[in-house]
Amino acid sequence: MRLTRSRRRHGLAIGLTPLIDVVFILLLFFMLASSLADWRVLEVVMPEARPQATPPPPSSTVRNLVVVAVAADGALSIDDEAVTPESLAQRLTARAAADPTLRVHVRPVEAAPMQAVVSALEAAGQSGAASVEVRPR
């Protein structure tokens, strides 16, 4: 009597268990590494527009100081002279090139749009000024 053997297929069998383990480890890593509910917001409180007993000195009297005012409608001005954001950057760059100790004070009012304040700060920062500060009006 002759017994026949069932033929086995010779080849490599790829197990799915290690693949599933890796997927679960990656899932666990990304769940622990990400923060889903804790978004941090930077709260900026704009200074109030109020009259001061002694007004700040205009920048024309202080040699290395430039005052950039931001109005409630987003208009920018240097020393009470209206400027556009593009000309603001050009003028600050020219002044910073002439005086390496240039200080820039950005003075927004309370109702000033944040985008106008940020644009003024970017222009002042990229101009090469020695210091850039936000000061209340």
Protein backbone atom coordinates (compact mmCIF):
# COMPACT_ATOMS: atom_id res chain seq x y z
CA MET A 1 0.00 0.00 0.00
CA ARG A 2 1.34 3.24 -1.05
CA LEU A 3 0.58 6.43 0.84
CA THR A 4 0.60 9.64 -1.05
CA ARG A 5 1.86 12.72 0.55
CA SER A 6 0.17 15.96 0.09
CA ARG A 7 2.44 18.36 -1.61
CA ARG A 8 3.47 21.30 0.42
CA ARG A 9 4.00 24.55 -1.22
CA HIS A 10 7.53 25.62 -0.61
CA GLY A 11 7.86 29.33 -0.28
CA LEU A 12 8.08 32.08 2.22
CA ALA A 13 4.98 32.94 4.10
CA ILE A 14 4.70 36.57 5.11
CA GLY A 15 3.23 36.86 8.53
CA LEU A 16 0.88 39.74 9.22
CA THR A 17 1.51 39.83 12.96
CA PRO A 18 4.70 41.94 12.80
CA LEU A 19 3.03 44.34 10.36
CA ILE A 20 0.06 44.80 12.69
CA ASP A 21 2.42 45.34 15.63
CA VAL A 22 4.28 48.07 13.75
CA VAL A 23 1.03 49.79 12.76
CA PHE A 24 -0.19 49.80 16.36
CA ILE A 25 3.15 51.14 17.63
CA LEU A 26 3.05 53.96 15.05
CA LEU A 27 -0.55 54.74 15.96
CA LEU A 28 0.36 54.89 19.63
CA PHE A 29 3.39 57.10 18.93
CA PHE A 30 1.39 59.62 16.89
CA MET A 31 -1.41 59.70 19.45
CA LEU A 32 1.04 60.48 22.26
CA ALA A 33 3.16 62.91 20.23
CA SER A 34 0.29 65.09 19.02
CA SER A 35 -1.84 67.41 21.03
CA LEU A 36 -5.41 67.47 19.86
CA ALA A 37 -7.19 69.78 22.28
CA ASP A 38 -4.56 72.04 23.80
CA TRP A 39 -4.11 74.88 21.29
CA ARG A 40 -2.17 77.78 22.74
CA VAL A 41 -3.19 81.27 21.71
CA LEU A 42 -1.07 84.33 22.19
CA GLU A 43 -3.29 87.02 23.65
CA VAL A 44 -2.12 90.54 22.86
CA VAL A 45 -3.68 93.44 24.71
CA MET A 46 -3.39 96.65 22.73
CA PRO A 47 -2.67 99.80 24.73
CA GLU A 48 -5.54 102.17 25.33
CA ALA A 49 -5.64 105.47 23.53
CA ARG A 50 -5.48 108.07 26.28
CA PRO A 51 -4.04 111.53 26.55
CA GLN A 52 -0.70 111.71 28.31
CA ALA A 53 0.45 114.49 30.60
CA THR A 54 3.74 114.73 28.73
CA PRO A 55 3.57 113.70 25.10
CA PRO A 56 6.42 111.55 23.81
CA PRO A 57 9.13 113.46 22.04
CA PRO A 58 8.79 113.43 18.26
CA SER A 59 11.45 111.42 16.56
CA SER A 60 12.79 114.53 14.85
CA THR A 61 14.12 115.75 18.23
CA VAL A 62 15.71 112.42 19.08
CA ARG A 63 18.28 111.56 16.45
CA ASN A 64 18.13 107.76 16.43
CA LEU A 65 14.41 107.25 17.20
CA VAL A 66 11.65 106.64 14.68
CA VAL A 67 8.03 106.55 15.86
CA VAL A 68 5.66 104.52 13.67
CA ALA A 69 2.02 105.23 14.56
CA VAL A 70 -0.75 102.77 13.69
CA ALA A 71 -4.21 104.34 13.58
CA ALA A 72 -7.55 102.67 14.25
CA ASP A 73 -8.18 102.26 10.51
CA GLY A 74 -4.78 100.60 9.99
CA ALA A 75 -3.10 103.66 8.49
CA LEU A 76 0.63 103.95 9.16
CA SER A 77 2.57 107.15 9.73
CA ILE A 78 6.11 108.18 10.54
CA ASP A 79 6.35 111.46 12.47
CA ASP A 80 2.73 112.33 11.60
CA GLU A 81 3.40 111.78 7.88
CA ALA A 82 1.22 109.07 6.29
CA VAL A 83 3.09 106.21 4.62
CA THR A 84 2.15 102.96 2.91
CA PRO A 85 3.50 99.64 4.21
CA GLU A 86 5.88 99.38 1.22
CA SER A 87 7.25 102.89 1.67
CA LEU A 88 7.48 102.29 5.44
CA ALA A 89 9.88 99.41 4.85
CA GLN A 90 11.95 101.45 2.38
CA ARG A 91 12.17 104.49 4.64
CA LEU A 92 13.09 102.45 7.72
CA THR A 93 15.75 100.55 5.76
CA ALA A 94 17.25 103.82 4.53
CA ARG A 95 17.26 105.30 8.05
CA ALA A 96 18.78 102.13 9.53
CA ALA A 97 21.51 102.12 6.88
CA ALA A 98 22.34 105.75 7.75
CA ASP A 99 22.26 105.17 11.53
CA PRO A 100 23.12 101.67 12.87
CA THR A 101 21.83 102.61 16.36
CA LEU A 102 18.32 103.33 15.05
CA ARG A 103 15.48 102.56 17.46
CA VAL A 104 11.93 102.04 16.18
CA HIS A 105 8.88 102.51 18.40
CA VAL A 106 5.61 101.17 17.00
CA ARG A 107 2.72 102.95 18.70
CA PRO A 108 -0.71 101.47 17.92
CA VAL A 109 -4.02 102.69 19.31
CA GLU A 110 -6.38 100.28 21.06
CA ALA A 111 -8.61 99.74 18.04
CA ALA A 112 -5.75 99.23 15.57
CA PRO A 113 -6.05 96.09 13.46
CA MET A 114 -3.54 93.47 14.46
CA GLN A 115 -2.45 92.87 10.85
CA ALA A 116 -1.38 96.52 10.49
CA VAL A 117 0.62 96.30 13.74
CA VAL A 118 2.29 93.06 12.64
CA SER A 119 3.10 94.55 9.22
CA ALA A 120 4.73 97.55 10.89
CA LEU A 121 6.72 95.29 13.21
CA GLU A 122 7.87 93.13 10.27
CA ALA A 123 8.98 96.19 8.30
CA ALA A 124 10.84 97.51 11.34
CA GLY A 125 12.45 94.15 12.06
CA GLN A 126 13.61 93.63 8.48
CA SER A 127 14.97 97.15 8.19
CA GLY A 128 18.05 96.40 10.27
CA ALA A 129 17.13 98.67 13.19
CA ALA A 130 19.03 98.17 16.43
CA SER A 131 15.82 97.77 18.46
CA VAL A 132 12.10 97.55 17.76
CA GLU A 133 9.57 98.15 20.53
CA VAL A 134 5.80 98.39 20.85
CA ARG A 135 4.91 101.37 22.98
CA PRO A 136 1.48 102.76 23.94
CA ARG A 137 0.43 106.04 22.44
